[in-house]
Amino acid sequence: MTVLLRSAANPGGSTTEQILKTVRADVIERMQAYAADPRPEIARILANNIRILGALTEAIELAEANTRILSSND
């Protein structure tokens, strides 16, 4: 049985894109707290997080495409 994702056994679960959007929002929130920190290691973390946000956005787009495919087959 899936724990987070919606399935026949877990109809109250979330879609993949909902979970990924929540993670993306959390990363953005955390980045805002670091924005004014001048330490070089924080700059590297911010750079890494920007890359992570790009990957999350791509994953969200793929998950939304999957949802559209499944919806068109109903």
C-alpha atoms as a PDB file:
ATOM      1  CA  MET A   1       0.000   0.000   0.000  1.00  0.00           C
ATOM      2  CA  THR A   2       1.224   3.483  -0.774  1.00  0.00           C
ATOM      3  CA  VAL A   3       1.758   5.742   2.207  1.00  0.00           C
ATOM      4  CA  LEU A   4       1.606   9.196   0.611  1.00  0.00           C
ATOM      5  CA  LEU A   5       0.341   8.669  -2.915  1.00  0.00           C
ATOM      6  CA  ARG A   6      -3.253   8.189  -3.978  1.00  0.00           C
ATOM      7  CA  SER A   7      -4.044   4.625  -4.983  1.00  0.00           C
ATOM      8  CA  ALA A   8      -6.914   2.170  -4.863  1.00  0.00           C
ATOM      9  CA  ALA A   9      -5.787   1.193  -1.369  1.00  0.00           C
ATOM     10  CA  ASN A  10      -5.183   4.832  -0.363  1.00  0.00           C
ATOM     11  CA  PRO A  11      -7.887   6.956  -2.048  1.00  0.00           C
ATOM     12  CA  GLY A  12      -7.255   9.834   0.352  1.00  0.00           C
ATOM     13  CA  GLY A  13      -3.613  10.100  -0.650  1.00  0.00           C
ATOM     14  CA  SER A  14      -2.011  12.929  -2.571  1.00  0.00           C
ATOM     15  CA  THR A  15      -0.987  13.074  -6.193  1.00  0.00           C
ATOM     16  CA  THR A  16       2.703  13.049  -7.015  1.00  0.00           C
ATOM     17  CA  GLU A  17       2.526  16.642  -8.193  1.00  0.00           C
ATOM     18  CA  GLN A  18       0.865  17.783  -4.949  1.00  0.00           C
ATOM     19  CA  ILE A  19       3.660  16.289  -2.878  1.00  0.00           C
ATOM     20  CA  LEU A  20       6.370  17.702  -5.132  1.00  0.00           C
ATOM     21  CA  LYS A  21       4.781  21.166  -5.038  1.00  0.00           C
ATOM     22  CA  THR A  22       4.739  21.030  -1.237  1.00  0.00           C
ATOM     23  CA  VAL A  23       8.434  20.098  -1.161  1.00  0.00           C
ATOM     24  CA  ARG A  24       9.216  22.891  -3.648  1.00  0.00           C
ATOM     25  CA  ALA A  25       7.379  25.442  -1.482  1.00  0.00           C
ATOM     26  CA  ASP A  26       9.303  24.282   1.593  1.00  0.00           C
ATOM     27  CA  VAL A  27      12.649  24.636  -0.212  1.00  0.00           C
ATOM     28  CA  ILE A  28      11.716  28.155  -1.330  1.00  0.00           C
ATOM     29  CA  GLU A  29      10.676  29.070   2.222  1.00  0.00           C
ATOM     30  CA  ARG A  30      13.969  27.822   3.629  1.00  0.00           C
ATOM     31  CA  MET A  31      15.953  29.647   0.943  1.00  0.00           C
ATOM     32  CA  GLN A  32      14.341  32.935   1.949  1.00  0.00           C
ATOM     33  CA  ALA A  33      15.697  32.492   5.459  1.00  0.00           C
ATOM     34  CA  TYR A  34      19.233  32.096   4.027  1.00  0.00           C
ATOM     35  CA  ALA A  35      19.048  34.879   1.440  1.00  0.00           C
ATOM     36  CA  ALA A  36      20.866  37.533   3.476  1.00  0.00           C
ATOM     37  CA  ASP A  37      23.515  35.192   4.919  1.00  0.00           C
ATOM     38  CA  PRO A  38      26.928  36.189   3.471  1.00  0.00           C
ATOM     39  CA  ARG A  39      28.773  32.942   4.272  1.00  0.00           C
ATOM     40  CA  PRO A  40      30.215  31.174   1.212  1.00  0.00           C
ATOM     41  CA  GLU A  41      28.840  27.811   2.314  1.00  0.00           C
ATOM     42  CA  ILE A  42      25.339  29.278   2.394  1.00  0.00           C
ATOM     43  CA  ALA A  43      25.871  30.645  -1.117  1.00  0.00           C
ATOM     44  CA  ARG A  44      26.695  27.101  -2.233  1.00  0.00           C
ATOM     45  CA  ILE A  45      23.590  25.744  -0.499  1.00  0.00           C
ATOM     46  CA  LEU A  46      21.472  28.354  -2.266  1.00  0.00           C
ATOM     47  CA  ALA A  47      23.036  27.414  -5.604  1.00  0.00           C
ATOM     48  CA  ASN A  48      22.329  23.741  -4.924  1.00  0.00           C
ATOM     49  CA  ASN A  49      18.758  24.538  -3.942  1.00  0.00           C
ATOM     50  CA  ILE A  50      18.225  26.468  -7.161  1.00  0.00           C
ATOM     51  CA  ARG A  51      19.249  23.342  -9.062  1.00  0.00           C
ATOM     52  CA  ILE A  52      16.953  21.242  -6.864  1.00  0.00           C
ATOM     53  CA  LEU A  53      14.065  23.624  -7.620  1.00  0.00           C
ATOM     54  CA  GLY A  54      14.672  23.149 -11.337  1.00  0.00           C
ATOM     55  CA  ALA A  55      14.613  19.378 -10.940  1.00  0.00           C
ATOM     56  CA  LEU A  56      11.447  19.562  -8.836  1.00  0.00           C
ATOM     57  CA  THR A  57       9.747  21.746 -11.442  1.00  0.00           C
ATOM     58  CA  GLU A  58      10.650  19.255 -14.158  1.00  0.00           C
ATOM     59  CA  ALA A  59       9.340  16.396 -12.010  1.00  0.00           C
ATOM     60  CA  ILE A  60       6.101  18.308 -11.356  1.00  0.00           C
ATOM     61  CA  GLU A  61       5.594  18.803 -15.091  1.00  0.00           C
ATOM     62  CA  LEU A  62       6.128  15.081 -15.716  1.00  0.00           C
ATOM     63  CA  ALA A  63       3.733  14.133 -12.909  1.00  0.00           C
ATOM     64  CA  GLU A  64       1.096  16.504 -14.298  1.00  0.00           C
ATOM     65  CA  ALA A  65       1.530  14.901 -17.718  1.00  0.00           C
ATOM     66  CA  ASN A  66       0.965  11.497 -16.134  1.00  0.00           C
ATOM     67  CA  THR A  67      -2.223  12.763 -14.497  1.00  0.00           C
ATOM     68  CA  ARG A  68      -3.469  14.107 -17.842  1.00  0.00           C
ATOM     69  CA  ILE A  69      -2.734  10.755 -19.501  1.00  0.00           C
ATOM     70  CA  LEU A  70      -4.616   8.867 -16.803  1.00  0.00           C
ATOM     71  CA  SER A  71      -7.522  11.325 -16.917  1.00  0.00           C
ATOM     72  CA  SER A  72      -7.880  10.990 -20.684  1.00  0.00           C
ATOM     73  CA  ASN A  73      -8.197   7.200 -20.343  1.00  0.00           C
ATOM     74  CA  ASP A  74     -11.155   7.377 -17.927  1.00  0.00           C
END
